[in-house]
Amino acid sequence: MDRSVIFEKLTMVFRKIFSDNTIVLKNELTANDVANWDSLSHMLMIGEVETVFNIKFKLKELNKLADVKGLIDLIESKLN
């Protein structure tokens, strides 16, 4: 899957989970940059990502994530 398609789908997930249609994803975006991104919404977002991309994450993979770029890289690795 093309990286731009991943970005597009991920943007839709973020806007849905965080109820904010103005969210614009960028590689360096973190939880500190998004209102309402707490531990519960994080798990909801991860669950939605798994559903949308039809993938499953391991806990150790999620613990390494620092920003959106890391999440996109992880999604890409799961899809390839």
C-alpha atoms as a PDB file:
ATOM      1  CA  MET A   1       0.000   0.000   0.000  1.00  0.00           C
ATOM      2  CA  ASP A   2       1.281   3.432  -0.931  1.00  0.00           C
ATOM      3  CA  ARG A   3       2.447   5.625   1.963  1.00  0.00           C
ATOM      4  CA  SER A   4       0.088   8.429   0.900  1.00  0.00           C
ATOM      5  CA  VAL A   5      -2.882   6.024   1.122  1.00  0.00           C
ATOM      6  CA  ILE A   6      -1.774   4.988   4.615  1.00  0.00           C
ATOM      7  CA  PHE A   7      -1.513   8.677   5.585  1.00  0.00           C
ATOM      8  CA  GLU A   8      -4.998   9.324   4.191  1.00  0.00           C
ATOM      9  CA  LYS A   9      -6.613   6.369   5.987  1.00  0.00           C
ATOM     10  CA  LEU A  10      -4.765   7.172   9.211  1.00  0.00           C
ATOM     11  CA  THR A  11      -5.966  10.773   9.042  1.00  0.00           C
ATOM     12  CA  MET A  12      -9.564   9.510   8.866  1.00  0.00           C
ATOM     13  CA  VAL A  13      -8.932   7.266  11.900  1.00  0.00           C
ATOM     14  CA  PHE A  14      -7.462  10.134  13.942  1.00  0.00           C
ATOM     15  CA  ARG A  15     -10.303  12.499  13.025  1.00  0.00           C
ATOM     16  CA  LYS A  16     -12.893   9.862  13.990  1.00  0.00           C
ATOM     17  CA  ILE A  17     -11.325   8.744  17.279  1.00  0.00           C
ATOM     18  CA  PHE A  18     -10.394  12.220  18.503  1.00  0.00           C
ATOM     19  CA  SER A  19     -13.615  13.837  17.150  1.00  0.00           C
ATOM     20  CA  ASP A  20     -11.643  16.554  15.378  1.00  0.00           C
ATOM     21  CA  ASN A  21     -11.988  17.037  11.632  1.00  0.00           C
ATOM     22  CA  THR A  22      -9.177  19.591  11.629  1.00  0.00           C
ATOM     23  CA  ILE A  23      -6.412  17.128  12.568  1.00  0.00           C
ATOM     24  CA  VAL A  24      -3.635  17.178  10.005  1.00  0.00           C
ATOM     25  CA  LEU A  25      -1.162  14.338  10.389  1.00  0.00           C
ATOM     26  CA  LYS A  26       2.546  14.969  10.104  1.00  0.00           C
ATOM     27  CA  ASN A  27       5.422  12.617  10.822  1.00  0.00           C
ATOM     28  CA  GLU A  28       6.406  14.271  14.094  1.00  0.00           C
ATOM     29  CA  LEU A  29       2.850  14.428  15.552  1.00  0.00           C
ATOM     30  CA  THR A  30       2.625  12.962  19.077  1.00  0.00           C
ATOM     31  CA  ALA A  31      -0.037  12.540  21.764  1.00  0.00           C
ATOM     32  CA  ASN A  32       1.045  15.893  23.222  1.00  0.00           C
ATOM     33  CA  ASP A  33      -0.122  17.606  20.024  1.00  0.00           C
ATOM     34  CA  VAL A  34      -3.692  16.249  20.011  1.00  0.00           C
ATOM     35  CA  ALA A  35      -6.429  17.282  22.426  1.00  0.00           C
ATOM     36  CA  ASN A  36      -8.161  14.323  24.117  1.00  0.00           C
ATOM     37  CA  TRP A  37      -5.333  11.872  23.295  1.00  0.00           C
ATOM     38  CA  ASP A  38      -5.130   9.912  26.523  1.00  0.00           C
ATOM     39  CA  SER A  39      -4.542   6.247  27.294  1.00  0.00           C
ATOM     40  CA  LEU A  40      -8.137   5.229  26.519  1.00  0.00           C
ATOM     41  CA  SER A  41      -8.354   7.118  23.225  1.00  0.00           C
ATOM     42  CA  HIS A  42      -4.909   5.739  22.342  1.00  0.00           C
ATOM     43  CA  MET A  43      -6.169   2.168  22.669  1.00  0.00           C
ATOM     44  CA  LEU A  44      -9.325   3.021  20.706  1.00  0.00           C
ATOM     45  CA  MET A  45      -7.152   4.538  17.975  1.00  0.00           C
ATOM     46  CA  ILE A  46      -4.881   1.475  17.848  1.00  0.00           C
ATOM     47  CA  GLY A  47      -7.927  -0.800  17.646  1.00  0.00           C
ATOM     48  CA  GLU A  48      -9.371   1.271  14.805  1.00  0.00           C
ATOM     49  CA  VAL A  49      -6.020   1.214  12.956  1.00  0.00           C
ATOM     50  CA  GLU A  50      -5.936  -2.579  13.280  1.00  0.00           C
ATOM     51  CA  THR A  51      -9.479  -2.788  11.882  1.00  0.00           C
ATOM     52  CA  VAL A  52      -8.993  -0.321   9.015  1.00  0.00           C
ATOM     53  CA  PHE A  53      -5.722  -1.884   7.854  1.00  0.00           C
ATOM     54  CA  ASN A  54      -6.674  -5.468   8.806  1.00  0.00           C
ATOM     55  CA  ILE A  55      -3.496  -5.947  10.863  1.00  0.00           C
ATOM     56  CA  LYS A  56      -2.610  -6.814  14.466  1.00  0.00           C
ATOM     57  CA  PHE A  57       0.035  -5.157  16.610  1.00  0.00           C
ATOM     58  CA  LYS A  58       2.076  -6.740  19.370  1.00  0.00           C
ATOM     59  CA  LEU A  59       2.339  -4.850  22.650  1.00  0.00           C
ATOM     60  CA  LYS A  60       6.128  -4.592  22.354  1.00  0.00           C
ATOM     61  CA  GLU A  61       5.709  -2.925  18.938  1.00  0.00           C
ATOM     62  CA  LEU A  62       3.306  -0.359  20.359  1.00  0.00           C
ATOM     63  CA  ASN A  63       5.625   0.440  23.263  1.00  0.00           C
ATOM     64  CA  LYS A  64       8.288   1.604  20.800  1.00  0.00           C
ATOM     65  CA  LEU A  65       6.049   4.139  19.049  1.00  0.00           C
ATOM     66  CA  ALA A  66       7.044   7.770  19.539  1.00  0.00           C
ATOM     67  CA  ASP A  67       5.173   9.604  16.767  1.00  0.00           C
ATOM     68  CA  VAL A  68       2.994   9.232  13.688  1.00  0.00           C
ATOM     69  CA  LYS A  69       6.009   8.373  11.506  1.00  0.00           C
ATOM     70  CA  GLY A  70       6.712   5.381  13.738  1.00  0.00           C
ATOM     71  CA  LEU A  71       3.099   4.272  13.469  1.00  0.00           C
ATOM     72  CA  ILE A  72       3.121   4.607   9.677  1.00  0.00           C
ATOM     73  CA  ASP A  73       6.412   2.683   9.467  1.00  0.00           C
ATOM     74  CA  LEU A  74       4.895  -0.067  11.636  1.00  0.00           C
ATOM     75  CA  ILE A  75       1.733  -0.217   9.511  1.00  0.00           C
ATOM     76  CA  GLU A  76       3.862  -0.435   6.356  1.00  0.00           C
ATOM     77  CA  SER A  77       5.916  -3.274   7.817  1.00  0.00           C
ATOM     78  CA  LYS A  78       2.736  -5.178   8.687  1.00  0.00           C
ATOM     79  CA  LEU A  79       1.276  -4.719   5.207  1.00  0.00           C
ATOM     80  CA  ASN A  80       4.418  -5.846   3.367  1.00  0.00           C
END
